[in-house]
């Protein structure tokens, strides 16, 4: 059974039209989806002393996520305003709350290194710890969102085994060029998710392409994170890159079928 450490940002996704509040954040989502797929996952990050902090930690615990290294700090839990437009979610204002001061301790890093793989992302505030984690022989993954050229990504990518980013441009030749540039920063494998166009991966020698699995889309929140969880589960189970891409797409289908990330 795979064991993945998810570290970094969390937030409460607050839907303006309905008033609904849902736990979220890239590493939070990946942790939940990993457990949903039968793996083991932990989440390391910071929440506030407000009601949303307790709500988020309890929700993770109920999903089977190890929350033993969640830091509870005086202040507010991160909050993202979300609206729905034509069935797609649109992110509005974001209040980082206590995550603005989040950092990993040496004990946190020791804990993360008990896992098979550590994943963080662009807003996870863990990018500068990837070198230390990688040196200890632990696999690493980094989600660059749609900004792989950002400073946080540039800090993490030289010490990253699998890099994910999103780019739905129709020009595949231009996308391949961008993927090669990201690969040159250091990852062993680069995966681009392309929305309705599927995904494209590069291992330094070959490009691999996978399309989509048709489904009814209710809400796109968390779809990319579930792809990452499915991909990583298959990868840790020694499956081929194309099989990992298919596993990612299949994990996304379930998430696309309901409202909210999970």
Protein backbone atom coordinates (compact mmCIF):
# COMPACT_ATOMS: atom_id res chain seq x y z
CA UNK A 1 0.00 0.00 0.00
CA UNK A 2 1.39 3.40 -0.98
CA UNK A 3 2.06 6.05 1.67
CA UNK A 4 2.08 9.67 0.52
CA UNK A 5 2.88 12.80 2.52
CA UNK A 6 0.94 15.86 1.37
CA UNK A 7 2.34 19.12 2.68
CA UNK A 8 1.45 22.80 2.34
CA UNK A 9 -1.58 24.95 1.69
CA UNK A 10 -5.12 24.31 2.79
CA UNK A 11 -8.22 26.43 2.60
CA UNK A 12 -11.96 26.48 3.02
CA UNK A 13 -13.68 26.87 -0.34
CA UNK A 14 -16.65 29.16 0.33
CA UNK A 15 -19.28 29.15 -2.44
CA UNK A 16 -20.79 32.60 -2.67
CA UNK A 17 -24.07 31.61 -4.36
CA UNK A 18 -25.02 28.87 -1.91
CA UNK A 19 -23.12 29.73 1.25
CA UNK A 20 -21.64 26.23 1.28
CA UNK A 21 -18.17 25.72 2.79
CA UNK A 22 -15.92 22.84 1.78
CA UNK A 23 -12.40 21.86 2.90
CA UNK A 24 -9.84 22.15 0.11
CA UNK A 25 -6.36 23.06 -0.99
CA UNK A 26 -4.09 21.09 -3.32
CA UNK A 27 -2.24 18.87 -0.80
CA UNK A 28 -5.38 18.46 1.31
CA UNK A 29 -7.30 17.20 -1.72
CA UNK A 30 -4.52 14.88 -2.84
CA UNK A 31 -4.40 13.34 0.65
CA UNK A 32 -8.15 12.67 0.68
CA UNK A 33 -8.17 11.25 -2.84
CA UNK A 34 -5.20 9.01 -2.04
CA UNK A 35 -7.16 7.50 0.84
CA UNK A 36 -10.22 7.19 -1.38
CA UNK A 37 -8.13 5.13 -3.79
CA UNK A 38 -7.00 2.77 -1.05
CA UNK A 39 -3.64 4.31 -0.19
CA UNK A 40 -2.39 5.94 3.00
CA UNK A 41 -1.80 9.67 3.27
CA UNK A 42 -0.90 12.34 5.76
CA UNK A 43 -1.42 16.07 5.62
CA UNK A 44 1.04 18.57 7.12
CA UNK A 45 0.10 22.25 7.18
CA UNK A 46 -1.33 24.98 9.42
CA UNK A 47 -4.91 25.83 10.36
CA UNK A 48 -6.30 28.57 12.57
CA UNK A 49 -8.01 28.43 15.93
CA UNK A 50 -11.33 29.41 14.31
CA UNK A 51 -14.22 27.02 13.66
CA UNK A 52 -13.04 26.42 10.09
CA UNK A 53 -9.72 25.04 11.35
CA UNK A 54 -11.40 22.43 13.53
CA UNK A 55 -13.84 21.68 10.70
CA UNK A 56 -11.04 21.03 8.22
CA UNK A 57 -8.97 18.81 10.54
CA UNK A 58 -12.03 16.79 11.58
CA UNK A 59 -13.08 16.34 7.95
CA UNK A 60 -9.62 15.04 7.05
CA UNK A 61 -9.59 12.67 10.02
CA UNK A 62 -12.96 11.26 8.96
CA UNK A 63 -11.55 10.56 5.49
CA UNK A 64 -8.71 8.53 7.00
CA UNK A 65 -5.95 11.11 6.56
CA UNK A 66 -3.17 11.24 9.17
CA UNK A 67 -3.42 14.75 10.69
CA UNK A 68 -0.83 14.24 13.45
CA UNK A 69 1.39 16.98 12.04
CA UNK A 70 -1.20 19.67 11.40
CA UNK A 71 -0.15 22.87 13.18
CA UNK A 72 -2.96 24.78 14.94
CA UNK A 73 -2.03 28.45 15.21
CA UNK A 74 -3.79 31.45 16.69
CA UNK A 75 -5.70 33.16 13.89
CA UNK A 76 -7.79 32.40 10.83
CA UNK A 77 -7.84 29.33 8.59
CA UNK A 78 -7.21 30.10 4.91
CA UNK A 79 -10.37 30.91 2.93
CA UNK A 80 -11.06 31.06 -0.81
CA UNK A 81 -14.16 32.71 -2.28
CA UNK A 82 -15.60 30.54 -5.07
CA UNK A 83 -18.36 31.23 -7.59
CA UNK A 84 -19.89 29.01 -10.27
CA UNK A 85 -20.12 30.18 -13.88
CA UNK A 86 -21.57 27.86 -16.53
CA UNK A 87 -20.77 24.80 -14.45
CA UNK A 88 -17.17 25.81 -13.89
CA UNK A 89 -15.73 27.12 -10.65
CA UNK A 90 -14.12 30.56 -10.58
CA UNK A 91 -11.78 31.40 -7.73
CA UNK A 92 -12.11 34.83 -6.15
CA UNK A 93 -10.43 36.45 -3.16
CA UNK A 94 -8.05 34.33 -1.12
CA UNK A 95 -7.13 34.98 2.52
CA UNK A 96 -4.06 32.90 3.38
CA UNK A 97 -4.66 33.15 7.11
CA UNK A 98 -2.14 31.36 9.33
CA UNK A 99 -0.65 29.54 6.33
CA UNK A 100 1.19 32.80 5.58
CA UNK A 101 3.64 31.93 8.36
CA UNK A 102 3.79 28.16 7.81
CA UNK A 103 7.17 26.42 7.76
CA UNK A 104 8.43 22.90 8.33
CA UNK A 105 10.44 22.00 11.40
CA UNK A 106 13.21 19.40 11.36
CA UNK A 107 10.82 17.04 13.11
CA UNK A 108 8.22 17.64 10.38
CA UNK A 109 10.79 16.77 7.72
CA UNK A 110 11.72 13.60 9.60
CA UNK A 111 8.03 12.66 9.60
CA UNK A 112 7.59 13.39 5.90
CA UNK A 113 10.57 11.19 5.10
CA UNK A 114 8.83 8.15 6.61
CA UNK A 115 6.59 8.15 3.51
CA UNK A 116 7.26 6.78 0.04
CA UNK A 117 6.61 10.13 -1.60
CA UNK A 118 6.22 13.77 -0.56
CA UNK A 119 4.10 16.17 -2.60
CA UNK A 120 3.60 19.89 -2.26
CA UNK A 121 2.67 22.73 -4.58
CA UNK A 122 3.07 26.31 -5.61
CA UNK A 123 1.52 27.79 -2.45
CA UNK A 124 2.70 25.10 -0.03
CA UNK A 125 5.67 27.02 1.44
CA UNK A 126 7.70 23.79 1.37
CA UNK A 127 9.63 24.30 -1.86
CA UNK A 128 12.87 25.17 -0.07
CA UNK A 129 12.72 21.89 1.87
CA UNK A 130 12.63 19.67 -1.22
CA UNK A 131 16.42 19.49 -1.46
CA UNK A 132 16.70 18.06 2.06
CA UNK A 133 13.84 15.60 1.46
CA UNK A 134 15.28 14.44 -1.86
CA UNK A 135 18.74 13.93 -0.36
CA UNK A 136 17.21 11.40 2.02
CA UNK A 137 16.09 9.25 -0.88
CA UNK A 138 12.36 10.01 -0.70
CA UNK A 139 10.47 10.49 -3.95
CA UNK A 140 9.07 14.00 -4.48
CA UNK A 141 6.30 15.50 -6.58
CA UNK A 142 5.39 19.14 -7.09
CA UNK A 143 2.22 20.70 -8.48
CA UNK A 144 3.09 23.89 -10.36
CA UNK A 145 -0.58 24.71 -11.11
CA UNK A 146 -0.53 26.86 -14.26
CA UNK A 147 2.66 28.72 -13.26
CA UNK A 148 5.68 26.40 -13.48
CA UNK A 149 7.97 29.38 -14.07
CA UNK A 150 7.20 30.89 -10.64
CA UNK A 151 9.96 31.22 -8.04
CA UNK A 152 8.50 28.49 -5.80
CA UNK A 153 8.48 26.01 -8.67
CA UNK A 154 12.01 26.95 -9.67
CA UNK A 155 13.17 26.24 -6.11
CA UNK A 156 11.49 22.83 -5.95
CA UNK A 157 11.88 21.44 -9.48
CA UNK A 158 15.63 20.68 -9.34
CA UNK A 159 14.78 18.30 -6.46
CA UNK A 160 11.51 16.93 -7.85
CA UNK A 161 10.91 13.51 -9.36
CA UNK A 162 7.47 14.20 -10.86
CA UNK A 163 6.31 17.68 -11.85
CA UNK A 164 2.66 18.42 -12.62
CA UNK A 165 1.24 21.55 -14.21
CA UNK A 166 -1.89 22.57 -16.09
CA UNK A 167 -1.93 24.03 -19.60
CA UNK A 168 -4.98 23.73 -21.86
CA UNK A 169 -3.48 25.45 -24.90
CA UNK A 170 -4.54 23.74 -28.18
CA UNK A 171 -1.07 24.12 -29.71
CA UNK A 172 0.53 20.80 -28.78
CA UNK A 173 3.88 21.70 -30.33
CA UNK A 174 4.13 24.78 -28.10
CA UNK A 175 3.08 22.73 -25.09
CA UNK A 176 5.77 20.13 -25.78
CA UNK A 177 8.34 22.89 -25.95
CA UNK A 178 7.18 24.18 -22.57
CA UNK A 179 7.30 20.68 -21.12
CA UNK A 180 10.87 20.22 -22.32
CA UNK A 181 11.84 23.51 -20.67
CA UNK A 182 10.34 22.36 -17.37
CA UNK A 183 12.07 18.99 -17.69
CA UNK A 184 15.37 20.82 -18.10
CA UNK A 185 14.88 22.32 -14.62
CA UNK A 186 15.43 18.89 -13.08
CA UNK A 187 12.33 16.63 -12.81
CA UNK A 188 12.55 13.05 -14.06
CA UNK A 189 8.97 13.17 -15.34
CA UNK A 190 6.76 16.11 -16.34
CA UNK A 191 2.98 15.79 -16.63
CA UNK A 192 0.72 18.45 -18.13
CA UNK A 193 -3.02 18.25 -17.54
CA UNK A 194 -4.99 19.80 -20.41
CA UNK A 195 -8.61 19.88 -19.32
CA UNK A 196 -10.85 18.52 -22.05
CA UNK A 197 -7.77 17.61 -24.11
CA UNK A 198 -6.56 15.06 -21.55
CA UNK A 199 -2.93 14.96 -20.45
CA UNK A 200 0.58 14.86 -21.87
CA UNK A 201 3.68 13.46 -20.14
CA UNK A 202 7.41 13.48 -20.92
CA UNK A 203 10.16 11.35 -19.36
CA UNK A 204 13.11 12.88 -21.16
CA UNK A 205 12.88 10.43 -24.03
CA UNK A 206 9.24 9.88 -24.94
CA UNK A 207 6.04 11.89 -24.92
CA UNK A 208 2.90 10.06 -23.78
CA UNK A 209 -0.65 11.24 -24.41
CA UNK A 210 -3.95 10.25 -22.82
CA UNK A 211 -7.39 11.66 -23.57
CA UNK A 212 -10.40 12.01 -21.31
CA UNK A 213 -12.96 9.58 -19.97
CA UNK A 214 -16.43 10.95 -20.85
CA UNK A 215 -18.54 11.89 -17.85
CA UNK A 216 -21.14 14.37 -16.62
CA UNK A 217 -19.42 17.39 -15.11
CA UNK A 218 -21.07 18.81 -11.98
CA UNK A 219 -18.12 20.79 -10.57
CA UNK A 220 -14.47 20.90 -11.67
CA UNK A 221 -13.17 21.67 -8.17
CA UNK A 222 -10.51 19.11 -7.26
CA UNK A 223 -10.40 17.41 -10.65
CA UNK A 224 -6.71 18.16 -11.19
CA UNK A 225 -5.83 17.08 -7.65
CA UNK A 226 -7.66 13.78 -8.08
CA UNK A 227 -5.74 13.22 -11.33
CA UNK A 228 -2.49 13.70 -9.38
CA UNK A 229 -3.60 11.27 -6.66
CA UNK A 230 -4.58 8.62 -9.19
CA UNK A 231 -1.37 9.09 -11.16
CA UNK A 232 0.83 8.85 -8.06
CA UNK A 233 -0.96 5.78 -6.73
CA UNK A 234 -0.33 3.98 -10.02
CA UNK A 235 3.25 5.27 -10.18
CA UNK A 236 4.06 3.94 -6.70
CA UNK A 237 2.57 0.63 -7.78
CA UNK A 238 5.17 0.51 -10.59
CA UNK A 239 2.72 0.99 -13.45
CA UNK A 240 3.74 2.43 -16.81
CA UNK A 241 3.42 6.15 -17.53
CA UNK A 242 0.39 5.63 -19.84
CA UNK A 243 -1.27 3.49 -17.15
CA UNK A 244 -0.59 6.20 -14.58
CA UNK A 245 -2.20 8.77 -16.86
CA UNK A 246 -5.27 6.60 -17.28
CA UNK A 247 -5.46 6.09 -13.51
CA UNK A 248 -5.33 9.86 -13.07
CA UNK A 249 -8.13 10.40 -15.58
CA UNK A 250 -10.31 7.75 -13.93
CA UNK A 251 -9.79 9.31 -10.49
CA UNK A 252 -10.88 12.68 -11.90
CA UNK A 253 -14.14 11.28 -13.24
CA UNK A 254 -15.50 10.57 -9.77
CA UNK A 255 -14.59 14.04 -8.52
CA UNK A 256 -16.17 15.77 -11.51
CA UNK A 257 -19.47 14.08 -10.71
CA UNK A 258 -20.27 15.91 -7.46
CA UNK A 259 -20.24 19.42 -5.98
CA UNK A 260 -17.16 20.58 -4.09
CA UNK A 261 -13.71 19.01 -3.93
CA UNK A 262 -14.81 16.09 -1.68
